[in-house]
Amino acid sequence: MKILALAQLTVLDAVRKKIFIVFLLLLASLASSAFFLPVVQASDRIKLVDSISLGWTTFFGMLIAIFLSAFGIPEEVGDRRAFTILTKPVRSHEFVLGKWIGYITVIGGIVLVTWLSTILSIWLLHPHDSIPKARQMVGAQSMDIPSLSLPDEEDSSDQAPQAQSIRQTLGKRPDLHLLDRNHPTAFWSFDNLDPSTIPEGESIGRLKIALLKTLRTHVEVVRTRLRYIHPTSGRQSTQELEFHTFGGQHQQEIELLCPRRFISNDGRLTVALDRLDPHFDLLVQTKSIGIYLSAESHAWNLGKAFLGSFLMLVLIISLTVFASTTLSGPVSVLVGLTGFIIGHCVTLMQTLARQVRHGEMTLERAFRQLLEKADQGHDHAHSSSGHEGHDHGTNYLADLLDGIATWIPDFTRFRLTDTVTNGVSIPAELLWQLTGTCVAYSAAALLLGIFFFAWSDVERTEGPWWHIIRFLRTRRSSR
């Protein structure tokens, strides 16, 4: 009850702050601007509203979370209010948890109201039948990549520098597969499909691949081919594909334009992907392909995306509350902002670390997702000898980047805007994973914050670092 009473006081104090009101008004005005922007179709309007509402809610929610939680505890310690509370039968951990729950309640209320307002606005401005439903996806049961057993190419002087590093990564990831010269085709098999449950439309599913340049070339158009094979009769339907690689667009999403008659009566379907361009290999996974199933409510799917943003904001609050238990308000703001920025750069740090290890020191095009994108392959003066001649300093840098990326949660996983705007249902397994990550990191931050706050001398506003300094000074004077 003490914790809940402190949380209630924290909420009341937060909503009175001017910065809270200013950020809330900015959020409302910018989020509502999506209804006045020009679009071609009604479905485009809905996608735009979803994207802008989620984006601005995450941005202003982050600012509100950081500024409220960063100045809450330091202000109460500075005004002696914390000392007054702690002289009563209130323990340090109850004080910190009460403040944390109060901030979580404020942010949760903002996210909930924004979600409900977005859904209500969409329902009022668009007929119910025109609101697209989110399509759930089922993955392939198996994938087969037969080998042609062709002789290896002896001349590797024209190979792109990224090819070797990607292949070394594949050795550590058995779930990744490369379509190359010896393995030009991948087959995915589906079972127990029901064509009547596939939503109406030209596309029945989606395939995600990544292009890997293997030769030094300036080819900007990559040709591939999809084949839909009837498992019983062997009939085939082909879908020719061309990808433009300029601008660094190496991750490709392909809509499966398969006639529904190629799904057999017992619900089986085979999809094949052919590598046609010798300058590029294709990076695929068994779960890269999916068939759409029965759709779910757009409002419910959008709510899942808002839940992902809320979980990320909980992590930001936990980090900032931890910092505020021992640091001043402005410094805690910097800690929260730094954590938010670094959390969005985890995948980029992993990519940069991999390139540093393989001698690719050029920063241009370095910040790229490791498993979702491949390098554009411009001709740079890279070393092709791997680690030979590579100084130890760059290896230490790569180890540092990997270490940071290992211990910091990847905030990009919490951003589910693209999934919603593409009309794909957010799987429940992903939400459980994000919830587990949020609980684990928040618990660790709160435990550290409670420890530091309990160690602090609230009456004299001295933090734990003063205890260490005082101890060192005592040891020195005793000598």
Protein backbone atom coordinates (compact mmCIF):
# COMPACT_ATOMS: atom_id res chain seq x y z
CA MET A 1 0.00 0.00 0.00
CA LYS A 2 2.87 2.39 0.74
CA ILE A 3 4.29 1.80 -2.74
CA LEU A 4 0.92 2.45 -4.37
CA ALA A 5 0.42 5.61 -2.30
CA LEU A 6 3.83 6.89 -3.42
CA ALA A 7 2.99 5.98 -7.02
CA GLN A 8 -0.25 7.96 -6.79
CA LEU A 9 1.61 11.00 -5.46
CA THR A 10 4.15 10.63 -8.29
CA VAL A 11 1.40 10.60 -10.92
CA LEU A 12 -0.27 13.68 -9.45
CA ASP A 13 3.06 15.50 -9.30
CA ALA A 14 3.93 14.51 -12.88
CA VAL A 15 0.72 15.74 -14.49
CA ARG A 16 1.18 19.15 -12.85
CA LYS A 17 4.56 19.74 -14.47
CA LYS A 18 4.62 22.19 -17.36
CA ILE A 19 7.01 20.08 -19.44
CA PHE A 20 4.53 17.20 -19.30
CA ILE A 21 1.71 19.40 -20.60
CA VAL A 22 3.90 20.89 -23.36
CA PHE A 23 5.06 17.49 -24.65
CA LEU A 24 1.51 16.13 -24.46
CA LEU A 25 0.13 19.01 -26.54
CA LEU A 26 2.88 18.57 -29.13
CA LEU A 27 2.14 14.85 -29.32
CA ALA A 28 -1.58 15.45 -29.85
CA SER A 29 -1.06 18.09 -32.54
CA LEU A 30 1.56 16.16 -34.51
CA ALA A 31 -0.25 12.83 -34.26
CA SER A 32 -3.48 14.37 -35.54
CA SER A 33 -1.67 15.96 -38.51
CA ALA A 34 -1.75 12.62 -40.32
CA PHE A 35 -5.47 13.08 -41.01
CA PHE A 36 -4.79 16.22 -43.05
CA LEU A 37 -1.95 15.00 -45.25
CA PRO A 38 -2.80 14.13 -48.88
CA VAL A 39 -2.99 10.45 -49.85
CA VAL A 40 -4.16 8.48 -52.88
CA GLN A 41 -6.23 5.74 -51.26
CA ALA A 42 -8.04 5.27 -47.97
CA SER A 43 -5.74 2.40 -47.03
CA ASP A 44 -2.75 4.71 -47.49
CA ARG A 45 -4.35 7.16 -45.05
CA ILE A 46 -4.68 4.42 -42.44
CA LYS A 47 -1.04 3.37 -42.89
CA LEU A 48 0.05 6.99 -42.56
CA VAL A 49 -2.00 7.46 -39.39
CA ASP A 50 -0.57 4.28 -37.88
CA SER A 51 3.00 5.24 -38.72
CA ILE A 52 2.78 8.83 -37.48
CA SER A 53 0.88 7.93 -34.30
CA LEU A 54 3.37 5.22 -33.35
CA GLY A 55 6.39 7.35 -34.26
CA TRP A 56 5.39 10.47 -32.36
CA THR A 57 4.13 8.48 -29.38
CA THR A 58 7.48 6.75 -29.09
CA PHE A 59 9.45 9.99 -29.52
CA PHE A 60 7.49 12.19 -27.13
CA GLY A 61 6.91 9.27 -24.76
CA MET A 62 10.68 8.91 -24.57
CA LEU A 63 11.12 12.62 -23.81
CA ILE A 64 8.38 12.62 -21.17
CA ALA A 65 9.73 9.44 -19.58
CA ILE A 66 13.29 10.74 -19.39
CA PHE A 67 12.54 14.24 -18.12
CA LEU A 68 10.01 13.11 -15.51
CA SER A 69 12.06 10.23 -14.11
CA ALA A 70 15.39 12.09 -14.32
CA PHE A 71 14.34 15.03 -12.12
CA GLY A 72 11.88 13.25 -9.80
CA ILE A 73 14.18 11.76 -7.17
CA PRO A 74 16.95 14.44 -7.35
CA GLU A 75 14.38 17.24 -6.84
CA GLU A 76 12.84 15.51 -3.83
CA VAL A 77 16.27 14.89 -2.33
CA GLY A 78 17.28 18.51 -2.93
CA ASP A 79 14.05 19.89 -1.43
CA ARG A 80 14.37 17.56 1.59
CA ARG A 81 11.00 16.00 0.72
CA ALA A 82 12.60 12.59 0.32
CA PHE A 83 14.11 12.87 3.80
CA THR A 84 10.68 13.71 5.23
CA ILE A 85 9.15 10.67 3.57
CA LEU A 86 11.96 8.33 4.60
CA THR A 87 11.74 9.37 8.26
CA LYS A 88 8.30 7.77 8.24
CA PRO A 89 7.95 3.97 8.11
CA VAL A 90 8.87 3.94 4.41
CA ARG A 91 11.88 1.98 3.24
CA SER A 92 14.26 3.06 0.48
CA HIS A 93 13.13 0.33 -1.91
CA GLU A 94 9.48 1.32 -1.40
CA PHE A 95 10.33 4.92 -2.26
CA VAL A 96 12.16 4.00 -5.47
CA LEU A 97 9.55 1.45 -6.56
CA GLY A 98 6.75 3.92 -5.87
CA LYS A 99 8.39 6.54 -8.08
CA TRP A 100 9.03 3.96 -10.80
CA ILE A 101 5.45 2.65 -10.81
CA GLY A 102 4.18 6.23 -10.94
CA TYR A 103 6.23 7.03 -14.03
CA ILE A 104 5.17 3.75 -15.66
CA THR A 105 1.53 4.63 -14.98
CA VAL A 106 1.89 8.06 -16.59
CA ILE A 107 3.55 6.68 -19.74
CA GLY A 108 1.14 3.75 -19.91
CA GLY A 109 -1.79 6.18 -19.77
CA ILE A 110 -0.34 8.25 -22.61
CA VAL A 111 0.22 5.17 -24.79
CA LEU A 112 -3.25 3.80 -24.04
CA VAL A 113 -5.03 7.08 -24.77
CA THR A 114 -3.07 7.56 -28.02
CA TRP A 115 -3.93 4.05 -29.19
CA LEU A 116 -7.63 4.46 -28.40
CA SER A 117 -7.72 7.91 -30.02
CA THR A 118 -6.05 6.58 -33.17
CA ILE A 119 -8.48 3.67 -33.45
CA LEU A 120 -11.51 5.86 -32.79
CA SER A 121 -10.39 8.41 -35.37
CA ILE A 122 -9.89 5.71 -38.01
CA TRP A 123 -13.32 4.23 -37.29
CA LEU A 124 -15.01 7.62 -37.56
CA LEU A 125 -13.31 8.72 -40.78
CA HIS A 126 -13.32 5.41 -42.68
CA PRO A 127 -16.03 2.81 -43.24
CA HIS A 128 -15.45 -0.37 -41.30
CA ASP A 129 -15.18 -2.42 -44.50
CA SER A 130 -12.34 -0.23 -45.82
CA ILE A 131 -10.08 -0.82 -42.79
CA PRO A 132 -7.53 -3.48 -43.80
CA LYS A 133 -7.09 -6.41 -41.47
CA ALA A 134 -3.72 -7.71 -40.32
CA ARG A 135 -2.70 -10.94 -42.00
CA GLN A 136 -1.22 -13.70 -39.92
CA MET A 137 1.55 -15.73 -41.52
CA VAL A 138 2.51 -19.39 -41.37
CA GLY A 139 6.04 -20.43 -42.21
CA ALA A 140 7.26 -23.28 -44.36
CA GLN A 141 7.57 -26.70 -42.76
CA SER A 142 10.85 -27.48 -44.52
CA MET A 143 13.47 -26.08 -46.89
CA ASP A 144 15.75 -27.99 -49.26
CA ILE A 145 18.78 -26.64 -51.13
CA PRO A 146 20.23 -29.31 -53.46
CA SER A 147 23.89 -29.11 -54.45
CA LEU A 148 25.19 -29.20 -58.02
CA SER A 149 28.71 -30.23 -56.88
CA LEU A 150 30.44 -27.90 -59.33
CA PRO A 151 34.22 -27.38 -59.09
CA ASP A 152 35.27 -24.42 -56.97
CA GLU A 153 36.39 -21.28 -58.74
CA GLU A 154 40.15 -20.95 -58.41
CA ASP A 155 40.45 -17.25 -59.18
CA SER A 156 39.14 -15.22 -56.23
CA SER A 157 40.82 -11.93 -57.13
CA ASP A 158 37.51 -10.45 -58.28
CA GLN A 159 35.57 -11.50 -55.21
CA ALA A 160 33.98 -8.72 -53.19
CA PRO A 161 35.52 -8.26 -49.71
CA GLN A 162 32.18 -8.86 -48.00
CA ALA A 163 31.78 -12.38 -49.39
CA GLN A 164 34.36 -14.06 -47.15
CA SER A 165 33.13 -12.41 -43.95
CA ILE A 166 29.51 -13.34 -44.67
CA ARG A 167 30.46 -16.96 -45.29
CA GLN A 168 32.34 -17.06 -42.00
CA THR A 169 29.21 -15.74 -40.30
CA LEU A 170 27.14 -18.48 -41.94
CA GLY A 171 29.34 -21.10 -40.31
CA LYS A 172 28.10 -19.92 -36.93
CA ARG A 173 24.44 -19.68 -37.97
CA PRO A 174 23.02 -23.03 -39.14
CA ASP A 175 19.63 -21.38 -39.72
CA LEU A 176 21.09 -19.22 -42.53
CA HIS A 177 21.66 -20.54 -46.05
CA LEU A 178 23.39 -19.09 -49.08
CA LEU A 179 22.26 -19.60 -52.66
CA ASP A 180 25.52 -19.55 -54.62
CA ARG A 181 27.14 -21.17 -57.63
CA ASN A 182 26.91 -24.69 -56.19
CA HIS A 183 23.51 -24.18 -54.57
CA PRO A 184 21.47 -22.06 -56.99
CA THR A 185 17.94 -23.06 -55.92
CA ALA A 186 16.02 -23.26 -52.65
CA PHE A 187 12.74 -25.16 -52.23
CA TRP A 188 10.22 -24.38 -49.49
CA SER A 189 7.43 -26.85 -48.73
CA PHE A 190 4.09 -26.03 -47.09
CA ASP A 191 1.59 -28.51 -45.67
CA ASN A 192 -2.01 -28.30 -44.48
CA LEU A 193 -2.81 -25.00 -46.21
CA ASP A 194 -6.44 -24.04 -46.63
CA PRO A 195 -6.96 -21.71 -49.62
CA SER A 196 -10.28 -20.53 -48.19
CA THR A 197 -8.49 -19.01 -45.18
CA ILE A 198 -6.03 -16.99 -47.29
CA PRO A 199 -7.22 -13.35 -47.40
CA GLU A 200 -8.44 -12.06 -50.74
CA GLY A 201 -5.93 -10.25 -52.89
CA GLU A 202 -3.28 -10.81 -55.51
CA SER A 203 -0.59 -11.85 -53.03
CA ILE A 204 -0.80 -14.99 -50.89
CA GLY A 205 2.40 -14.50 -48.88
CA ARG A 206 5.81 -12.87 -48.59
CA LEU A 207 9.45 -13.86 -48.98
CA LYS A 208 12.36 -11.95 -47.45
CA ILE A 209 15.90 -12.33 -48.84
CA ALA A 210 19.21 -10.47 -48.69
CA LEU A 211 21.52 -9.89 -51.65
CA LEU A 212 25.26 -10.51 -51.26
CA LYS A 213 27.62 -9.16 -53.90
CA THR A 214 30.26 -11.80 -54.65
CA LEU A 215 32.22 -10.18 -57.50
CA ARG A 216 33.59 -6.68 -57.97
CA THR A 217 31.12 -5.29 -60.45
CA HIS A 218 28.92 -2.29 -61.05
CA VAL A 219 25.80 -4.31 -61.84
CA GLU A 220 22.79 -2.44 -60.44
CA VAL A 221 19.98 -4.81 -61.46
CA VAL A 222 19.79 -8.33 -60.03
CA ARG A 223 17.56 -10.95 -61.63
CA THR A 224 15.98 -13.80 -59.68
CA ARG A 225 13.01 -16.06 -60.27
CA LEU A 226 10.27 -17.56 -58.15
CA ARG A 227 8.58 -20.79 -59.19
CA TYR A 228 5.33 -22.12 -57.76
CA ILE A 229 5.11 -25.90 -58.16
CA HIS A 230 1.99 -28.01 -57.74
CA PRO A 231 3.10 -30.95 -55.56
CA THR A 232 0.90 -33.50 -57.34
CA SER A 233 0.84 -32.59 -61.03
CA GLY A 234 4.20 -30.80 -61.16
CA ARG A 235 2.74 -27.79 -62.97
CA GLN A 236 4.72 -24.59 -62.52
CA SER A 237 4.06 -20.88 -62.56
CA THR A 238 7.00 -18.48 -62.67
CA GLN A 239 7.44 -14.97 -61.30
CA GLU A 240 10.41 -13.06 -62.73
CA LEU A 241 11.99 -10.54 -60.34
CA GLU A 242 14.41 -7.65 -60.80
CA PHE A 243 16.01 -5.72 -57.93
CA HIS A 244 17.82 -2.40 -58.20
CA THR A 245 20.82 -2.46 -55.87
CA PHE A 246 21.84 1.20 -56.00
CA GLY A 247 21.19 3.15 -52.83
CA GLY A 248 22.08 0.20 -50.62
CA GLN A 249 18.71 -1.58 -50.89
CA HIS A 250 19.99 -5.13 -50.40
CA GLN A 251 17.22 -6.53 -48.24
CA GLN A 252 14.29 -7.42 -50.44
CA GLU A 253 10.73 -8.39 -49.59
CA ILE A 254 8.85 -10.24 -52.32
CA GLU A 255 5.10 -10.64 -52.48
CA LEU A 256 4.19 -14.18 -53.56
CA LEU A 257 1.89 -13.88 -56.60
CA CYS A 258 0.96 -17.54 -56.69
CA PRO A 259 -2.32 -18.67 -58.27
CA ARG A 260 -4.35 -20.45 -55.62
CA ARG A 261 -4.88 -23.42 -57.94
CA PHE A 262 -1.26 -24.44 -57.33
CA ILE A 263 -2.18 -25.37 -53.76
CA SER A 264 -3.11 -29.05 -53.87
CA ASN A 265 -6.33 -30.48 -52.48
CA ASP A 266 -4.53 -31.73 -49.38
CA GLY A 267 -3.08 -28.25 -48.74
CA ARG A 268 0.48 -28.67 -50.04
CA LEU A 269 2.53 -26.11 -51.97
CA THR A 270 6.17 -25.90 -53.10
CA VAL A 271 7.90 -22.57 -53.75
CA ALA A 272 11.33 -22.40 -55.41
CA LEU A 273 13.76 -19.47 -55.60
CA ASP A 274 16.40 -19.50 -58.37
CA ARG A 275 19.68 -17.56 -58.30
CA LEU A 276 20.22 -16.25 -61.85
CA ASP A 277 22.84 -13.51 -61.49
CA PRO A 278 26.44 -14.77 -61.00
CA HIS A 279 27.44 -11.46 -59.39
CA PHE A 280 25.13 -11.89 -56.41
CA ASP A 281 24.38 -14.66 -53.93
CA LEU A 282 21.10 -14.82 -52.01
CA LEU A 283 20.89 -15.15 -48.22
CA VAL A 284 17.76 -17.03 -47.09
CA GLN A 285 16.28 -18.83 -44.09
CA THR A 286 13.57 -21.41 -43.58
CA LYS A 287 11.47 -18.75 -41.85
CA SER A 288 12.13 -16.22 -44.64
CA ILE A 289 8.91 -17.20 -46.37
CA GLY A 290 5.36 -17.15 -45.10
CA ILE A 291 1.81 -17.68 -46.35
CA TYR A 292 -0.97 -15.38 -45.18
CA LEU A 293 -3.70 -16.93 -43.08
CA SER A 294 -6.96 -15.59 -41.71
CA ALA A 295 -6.77 -11.93 -40.81
CA GLU A 296 -7.14 -10.34 -37.39
CA SER A 297 -8.45 -6.95 -36.31
CA HIS A 298 -6.44 -3.91 -37.32
CA ALA A 299 -7.12 -2.30 -33.93
CA TRP A 300 -5.77 -5.31 -32.04
CA ASN A 301 -2.65 -5.49 -34.20
CA LEU A 302 -2.02 -1.77 -33.75
CA GLY A 303 -2.40 -2.28 -30.01
CA LYS A 304 0.40 -4.84 -30.12
CA ALA A 305 2.66 -2.28 -31.78
CA PHE A 306 1.81 0.30 -29.10
CA LEU A 307 2.58 -2.35 -26.47
CA GLY A 308 6.04 -2.81 -28.00
CA SER A 309 6.66 0.94 -27.77
CA PHE A 310 5.44 0.95 -24.16
CA LEU A 311 7.85 -1.84 -23.21
CA MET A 312 10.72 0.14 -24.71
CA LEU A 313 9.67 3.23 -22.72
CA VAL A 314 9.61 1.11 -19.55
CA LEU A 315 13.25 0.23 -20.21
CA ILE A 316 14.09 3.92 -20.65
CA ILE A 317 12.33 4.80 -17.38
CA SER A 318 14.15 2.04 -15.50
CA LEU A 319 17.53 3.22 -16.78
CA THR A 320 16.80 6.87 -15.97
CA VAL A 321 15.45 6.07 -12.49
CA PHE A 322 18.61 4.09 -11.79
CA ALA A 323 20.73 7.06 -12.85
CA SER A 324 18.65 9.52 -10.84
CA THR A 325 19.26 7.64 -7.58
CA THR A 326 22.89 8.75 -7.55
CA LEU A 327 23.28 11.46 -10.21
CA SER A 328 21.79 14.90 -10.72
CA GLY A 329 18.78 15.54 -12.94
CA PRO A 330 20.61 16.91 -16.02
CA VAL A 331 23.14 14.09 -15.92
CA SER A 332 20.33 11.54 -15.61
CA VAL A 333 18.72 13.08 -18.70
CA LEU A 334 21.97 12.54 -20.61
CA VAL A 335 22.12 8.94 -19.38
CA GLY A 336 18.57 8.28 -20.57
CA LEU A 337 19.11 9.88 -23.97
CA THR A 338 22.40 8.04 -24.41
CA GLY A 339 20.75 4.72 -23.57
CA PHE A 340 17.97 5.43 -26.07
CA ILE A 341 20.46 6.23 -28.84
CA ILE A 342 22.81 3.31 -28.12
CA GLY A 343 19.85 0.93 -27.89
CA HIS A 344 18.96 1.82 -31.49
CA CYS A 345 22.56 1.25 -32.64
CA VAL A 346 23.09 -2.30 -31.35
CA THR A 347 22.81 -3.95 -34.76
CA LEU A 348 24.96 -1.24 -36.31
CA MET A 349 27.68 -1.84 -33.73
CA GLN A 350 27.62 -5.55 -34.49
CA THR A 351 28.01 -4.81 -38.18
CA LEU A 352 30.85 -2.37 -37.60
CA ALA A 353 32.62 -4.85 -35.30
CA ARG A 354 32.42 -7.55 -37.98
CA GLN A 355 33.83 -5.20 -40.62
CA VAL A 356 36.63 -4.09 -38.32
CA ARG A 357 37.64 -7.70 -37.70
CA HIS A 358 37.86 -8.37 -41.43
CA GLY A 359 39.87 -5.26 -42.20
CA GLU A 360 37.02 -3.25 -43.68
CA MET A 361 37.79 0.04 -41.99
CA THR A 362 35.82 2.35 -44.27
CA LEU A 363 32.86 3.78 -42.34
CA GLU A 364 30.83 4.41 -45.48
CA ARG A 365 28.10 1.77 -45.75
CA ALA A 366 29.40 0.20 -42.51
CA PHE A 367 26.27 0.86 -40.50
CA ARG A 368 24.08 -1.86 -41.96
CA GLN A 369 22.09 -4.63 -40.36
CA LEU A 370 24.21 -7.78 -40.21
CA LEU A 371 21.63 -10.40 -41.13
CA GLU A 372 19.18 -8.28 -43.11
CA LYS A 373 21.44 -6.37 -45.46
CA ALA A 374 24.62 -7.01 -47.42
CA ASP A 375 27.26 -4.48 -48.44
CA GLN A 376 26.71 -2.50 -51.65
CA GLY A 377 30.19 -3.52 -52.73
CA HIS A 378 31.70 -0.25 -53.92
CA ASP A 379 35.36 -0.55 -54.82
CA HIS A 380 37.19 0.46 -51.68
CA ALA A 381 40.83 -0.06 -50.79
CA HIS A 382 40.12 -2.95 -48.43
CA SER A 383 42.61 -5.60 -47.43
CA SER A 384 41.67 -9.03 -48.77
CA SER A 385 44.01 -10.94 -46.49
CA GLY A 386 41.60 -11.18 -43.55
CA HIS A 387 43.37 -10.59 -40.28
CA GLU A 388 46.90 -10.45 -41.75
CA GLY A 389 48.53 -7.17 -40.95
CA HIS A 390 45.53 -6.15 -38.86
CA ASP A 391 46.70 -4.32 -35.75
CA HIS A 392 45.48 -5.36 -32.33
CA GLY A 393 43.84 -2.00 -31.67
CA THR A 394 41.10 -2.63 -34.20
CA ASN A 395 40.45 -6.06 -32.67
CA TYR A 396 40.06 -4.44 -29.27
CA LEU A 397 37.63 -1.97 -30.84
CA ALA A 398 35.63 -4.84 -32.35
CA ASP A 399 35.56 -6.65 -28.99
CA LEU A 400 34.37 -3.46 -27.29
CA LEU A 401 31.57 -2.96 -29.81
CA ASP A 402 30.51 -6.60 -29.51
CA GLY A 403 30.54 -6.35 -25.73
CA ILE A 404 28.35 -3.26 -25.73
CA ALA A 405 25.94 -4.84 -28.22
CA THR A 406 25.74 -8.00 -26.10
CA TRP A 407 24.76 -6.30 -22.85
CA ILE A 408 22.47 -3.57 -24.20
CA PRO A 409 18.95 -4.43 -25.40
CA ASP A 410 18.21 -3.84 -29.06
CA PHE A 411 15.51 -1.16 -29.13
CA THR A 412 14.85 -1.67 -32.83
CA ARG A 413 13.10 -4.95 -31.97
CA PHE A 414 10.50 -2.93 -30.04
CA ARG A 415 9.70 -0.74 -33.06
CA LEU A 416 6.90 -2.63 -34.82
CA THR A 417 5.67 0.17 -37.07
CA ASP A 418 6.74 -1.46 -40.35
CA THR A 419 5.00 -4.71 -39.44
CA VAL A 420 1.71 -2.91 -38.79
CA THR A 421 1.84 -0.68 -41.88
CA ASN A 422 2.62 -3.72 -44.05
CA GLY A 423 -0.56 -5.35 -42.80
CA VAL A 424 1.20 -8.31 -41.15
CA SER A 425 0.05 -9.59 -37.77
CA ILE A 426 2.56 -9.23 -34.92
CA PRO A 427 3.18 -12.73 -33.52
CA ALA A 428 2.50 -13.32 -29.83
CA GLU A 429 5.89 -15.04 -29.47
CA LEU A 430 7.64 -11.77 -30.32
CA LEU A 431 5.68 -9.88 -27.68
CA TRP A 432 6.59 -12.48 -25.07
CA GLN A 433 10.27 -12.13 -26.00
CA LEU A 434 10.09 -8.34 -25.74
CA THR A 435 8.30 -8.60 -22.39
CA GLY A 436 10.98 -10.94 -21.06
CA THR A 437 13.72 -8.56 -22.17
CA CYS A 438 11.92 -5.62 -20.57
CA VAL A 439 11.39 -7.43 -17.26
CA ALA A 440 14.98 -8.67 -17.04
CA TYR A 441 16.68 -5.35 -17.78
CA SER A 442 14.21 -3.31 -15.73
CA ALA A 443 14.66 -5.58 -12.72
CA ALA A 444 18.45 -5.27 -12.95
CA ALA A 445 18.28 -1.46 -13.22
CA LEU A 446 15.84 -1.17 -10.31
CA LEU A 447 17.90 -3.44 -8.05
CA LEU A 448 20.99 -1.33 -8.70
CA GLY A 449 19.02 1.87 -8.21
CA ILE A 450 17.57 0.67 -4.89
CA PHE A 451 21.05 -0.37 -3.72
CA PHE A 452 22.61 2.99 -4.54
CA PHE A 453 19.71 4.95 -3.08
CA ALA A 454 19.74 2.96 0.14
CA TRP A 455 23.47 3.59 0.43
CA SER A 456 23.08 7.31 -0.19
CA ASP A 457 22.99 9.80 2.65
CA VAL A 458 19.68 11.50 1.83
CA GLU A 459 19.93 14.03 4.61
CA ARG A 460 23.18 15.50 3.30
CA THR A 461 22.47 14.69 -0.37
CA GLU A 462 25.63 12.60 -0.63
CA GLY A 463 25.62 9.71 -3.06
CA PRO A 464 27.50 6.39 -2.89
CA TRP A 465 30.51 7.88 -4.65
CA TRP A 466 31.07 10.09 -1.59
CA HIS A 467 31.26 6.98 0.57
CA ILE A 468 34.04 5.64 -1.65
CA ILE A 469 35.90 8.98 -1.60
CA ARG A 470 35.49 9.28 2.17
CA PHE A 471 36.80 5.73 2.61
CA LEU A 472 39.86 6.43 0.47
CA ARG A 473 40.55 9.68 2.31
CA THR A 474 40.27 7.88 5.67
CA ARG A 475 42.73 5.22 4.56
CA ARG A 476 45.16 7.87 3.34
CA SER A 477 44.98 9.96 6.52
CA SER A 478 45.43 6.86 8.71
CA ARG A 479 48.79 6.27 7.07
